[in-house]
Amino acid sequence: MFTKADYLNYGCLLQEKEQAMVVGLQQLLEQVTDEAVAGQLRALLREKQAAAEEVIRLFGKMFGMAPELRRYKRDPALGEVKLRNLQCGDTITCRCLDISLGGLCLQLSAELPQGLLLAMEVRFYESRRPVVRRARVRWCHRTEDGQYKAGLQFEASQATHAGETICEDE
C-alpha cells in the first residue's frame, strides 16, 4: 500500500522529468534551423508543457496543495548583479537571491517597472566568471525592510557574448 508521501515523491519525480524534457526541447529548438523540424519540436514542446502543468494540477488537487507555476526549479544563488537599463543607460548594483533556467530573483534598493528590459552581469560568489544576459522585469514589490524584490525573466534571444561586460566598474 502506498502512503501519501510515496505519491508526493512520485509526483515530484514525474514533474521533474516533464520539466527536464521541456528544458531539453527548448534548448534543442534554439539550435534547429529547419523550420519544419522546428514546427514539430514546438508542437511537442507545447504537449510536454501541458503534461508538466497537468501533473502539478493533479497532485495539487489530490493533496490540497497550491500548484507551483514556475517552469524551472529555483536554486539559491548569492551574487552581485549589475543592471543596465537599455532605454536610458542607467545602472544599478543589487544582489541575486536565487536563479533558475528561466530567470532570477533580486534584492535591490530601487523599484523596477514591470516589463523593463535590462542588460545584466551576475557575479556569483562561488564563481569567477560572470553570467551576462538580458532579462525583463516580470514583477517588483517593496519588502517590509524598505528594500525591493524583483523577478526577472531571461530573454530567449541573447545579444550578449561570452566575456562581454554589461556595466563599467564604478
Protein backbone atom coordinates (compact mmCIF):
# COMPACT_ATOMS: atom_id res chain seq x y z
CA MET A 1 0.00 0.00 0.00
CA PHE A 2 1.35 3.42 -0.95
CA THR A 3 1.39 6.30 1.52
CA LYS A 4 0.68 9.95 0.84
CA ALA A 5 4.45 10.59 0.98
CA ASP A 6 5.01 7.92 -1.70
CA TYR A 7 2.51 9.60 -4.00
CA LEU A 8 4.02 13.03 -3.34
CA ASN A 9 7.52 11.72 -4.09
CA TYR A 10 6.26 10.11 -7.29
CA GLY A 11 4.52 13.34 -8.30
CA CYS A 12 7.69 15.37 -7.69
CA LEU A 13 9.79 12.93 -9.73
CA LEU A 14 7.25 12.93 -12.55
CA GLN A 15 7.13 16.73 -12.58
CA GLU A 16 10.95 16.95 -12.64
CA LYS A 17 11.10 14.53 -15.60
CA GLU A 18 8.47 16.50 -17.54
CA GLN A 19 10.25 19.79 -16.79
CA ALA A 20 13.61 18.32 -17.83
CA MET A 21 12.02 17.28 -21.14
CA VAL A 22 10.66 20.83 -21.61
CA VAL A 23 14.10 22.34 -20.93
CA GLY A 24 15.78 19.90 -23.32
CA LEU A 25 13.28 20.65 -26.07
CA GLN A 26 13.70 24.42 -25.58
CA GLN A 27 17.46 24.10 -25.86
CA LEU A 28 17.17 21.91 -28.94
CA LEU A 29 14.68 24.30 -30.54
CA GLU A 30 17.16 27.19 -30.20
CA GLN A 31 19.65 25.26 -32.35
CA VAL A 32 17.35 23.92 -35.08
CA THR A 33 17.42 25.78 -38.42
CA ASP A 34 14.97 23.62 -40.38
CA GLU A 35 11.55 25.26 -39.99
CA ALA A 36 9.61 22.01 -40.49
CA VAL A 37 11.57 20.31 -37.71
CA ALA A 38 11.25 23.43 -35.54
CA GLY A 39 7.46 23.35 -36.01
CA GLN A 40 7.31 19.72 -34.89
CA LEU A 41 9.52 20.50 -31.90
CA ARG A 42 7.28 23.46 -30.92
CA ALA A 43 4.23 21.16 -31.03
CA LEU A 44 6.00 18.58 -28.88
CA LEU A 45 7.16 21.33 -26.52
CA ARG A 46 3.57 22.57 -26.05
CA GLU A 47 2.49 18.98 -25.37
CA LYS A 48 5.21 18.46 -22.75
CA GLN A 49 4.49 21.82 -21.09
CA ALA A 50 0.82 20.87 -20.82
CA ALA A 51 1.79 17.48 -19.35
CA ALA A 52 4.03 19.11 -16.72
CA GLU A 53 1.25 21.54 -15.79
CA GLU A 54 -1.27 18.69 -15.58
CA VAL A 55 0.97 16.76 -13.17
CA ILE A 56 1.16 19.86 -10.96
CA ARG A 57 -2.64 20.34 -11.06
CA LEU A 58 -3.40 16.67 -10.46
CA PHE A 59 -1.16 16.24 -7.44
CA GLY A 60 -2.20 19.64 -6.08
CA LYS A 61 -5.84 18.62 -6.32
CA MET A 62 -5.21 15.20 -4.78
CA PHE A 63 -3.37 16.58 -1.77
CA GLY A 64 -4.81 20.10 -1.46
CA MET A 65 -1.56 21.82 -2.40
CA ALA A 66 -1.26 25.08 -4.29
CA PRO A 67 0.28 24.46 -7.71
CA GLU A 68 3.82 25.66 -8.44
CA LEU A 69 3.55 27.82 -11.54
CA ARG A 70 7.24 28.17 -12.30
CA ARG A 71 8.60 26.20 -15.21
CA TYR A 72 12.00 25.67 -13.66
CA LYS A 73 13.27 24.78 -10.22
CA ARG A 74 14.84 27.73 -8.41
CA ASP A 75 18.13 27.33 -6.58
CA PRO A 76 19.64 29.72 -4.03
CA ALA A 77 22.47 31.63 -5.69
CA LEU A 78 24.05 34.60 -3.98
CA GLY A 79 25.94 37.11 -6.05
CA GLU A 80 26.33 40.72 -7.10
CA VAL A 81 24.30 41.87 -10.09
CA LYS A 82 24.91 44.94 -12.23
CA LEU A 83 21.86 46.02 -14.22
CA ARG A 84 21.79 48.48 -17.12
CA ASN A 85 18.55 50.00 -18.34
CA LEU A 86 18.65 49.50 -22.11
CA GLN A 87 16.45 52.55 -22.70
CA CYS A 88 18.44 55.20 -20.83
CA GLY A 89 21.72 53.52 -19.86
CA ASP A 90 21.31 53.98 -16.08
CA THR A 91 22.99 51.30 -13.97
CA ILE A 92 22.23 49.83 -10.56
CA THR A 93 24.00 47.24 -8.44
CA CYS A 94 21.95 44.74 -6.48
CA ARG A 95 22.02 41.22 -5.05
CA CYS A 96 20.91 37.91 -6.56
CA LEU A 97 18.85 35.71 -4.21
CA ASP A 98 18.04 32.74 -6.42
CA ILE A 99 18.20 31.60 -10.01
CA SER A 100 16.61 29.11 -12.41
CA LEU A 101 16.94 28.35 -16.11
CA GLY A 102 14.19 30.90 -16.76
CA GLY A 103 15.23 33.83 -14.60
CA LEU A 104 16.30 35.10 -11.21
CA CYS A 105 15.13 36.91 -8.10
CA LEU A 106 16.89 40.08 -6.96
CA GLN A 107 17.06 42.19 -3.82
CA LEU A 108 17.58 45.86 -4.59
CA SER A 109 17.15 49.36 -3.19
CA ALA A 110 15.07 50.83 -6.04
CA GLU A 111 11.84 49.81 -7.72
CA LEU A 112 11.96 48.45 -11.27
CA PRO A 113 8.98 48.93 -13.59
CA GLN A 114 7.32 45.75 -14.84
CA GLY A 115 8.26 44.98 -18.45
CA LEU A 116 11.57 46.88 -18.38
CA LEU A 117 14.31 45.24 -20.49
CA LEU A 118 17.70 45.15 -18.79
CA ALA A 119 21.21 44.01 -19.59
CA MET A 120 22.76 42.30 -16.60
CA GLU A 121 26.02 40.90 -15.37
CA VAL A 122 25.83 38.45 -12.48
CA ARG A 123 28.93 37.60 -10.48
CA PHE A 124 28.17 34.65 -8.24
CA TYR A 125 30.22 34.48 -5.06
CA GLU A 126 31.35 30.91 -5.79
CA SER A 127 32.41 31.63 -9.41
CA ARG A 128 34.95 33.95 -11.02
CA ARG A 129 33.23 34.12 -14.40
CA PRO A 130 30.22 36.45 -14.73
CA VAL A 131 26.96 35.48 -16.38
CA VAL A 132 25.94 38.10 -18.95
CA ARG A 133 22.31 38.07 -20.11
CA ARG A 134 19.35 40.23 -20.97
CA ALA A 135 16.24 39.95 -18.84
CA ARG A 136 12.81 41.52 -18.48
CA VAL A 137 11.27 42.60 -15.17
CA ARG A 138 8.19 40.43 -14.50
CA TRP A 139 7.36 41.73 -11.03
CA CYS A 140 8.77 44.03 -8.36
CA HIS A 141 7.46 44.77 -4.88
CA ARG A 142 8.55 46.56 -1.74
CA THR A 143 9.53 44.41 1.24
CA GLU A 144 8.95 45.14 4.94
CA ASP A 145 12.52 46.40 5.37
CA GLY A 146 12.08 49.09 2.69
CA GLN A 147 14.07 47.20 0.06
CA TYR A 148 12.61 45.73 -3.14
CA LYS A 149 12.45 42.21 -4.53
CA ALA A 150 12.15 41.70 -8.27
CA GLY A 151 11.67 38.71 -10.53
CA LEU A 152 13.46 38.87 -13.89
CA GLN A 153 12.89 36.51 -16.81
CA PHE A 154 15.77 35.83 -19.17
CA GLU A 155 15.19 36.88 -22.77
CA ALA A 156 15.09 33.98 -25.23
CA SER A 157 17.37 35.59 -27.81
CA GLN A 158 20.63 36.87 -26.42
CA ALA A 159 22.56 39.75 -27.95
CA THR A 160 25.39 39.39 -25.45
CA HIS A 161 28.52 37.34 -25.95
CA ALA A 162 30.80 35.36 -23.63
CA GLY A 163 33.27 37.63 -21.91
CA GLU A 164 31.26 40.79 -22.64
CA THR A 165 30.70 43.10 -19.69
CA ILE A 166 27.46 44.96 -19.17
CA CYS A 167 28.47 47.74 -16.83
CA GLU A 168 31.71 49.58 -16.34
CA ASP A 169 33.17 49.23 -12.82
CA GLU A 170 32.11 52.17 -10.74
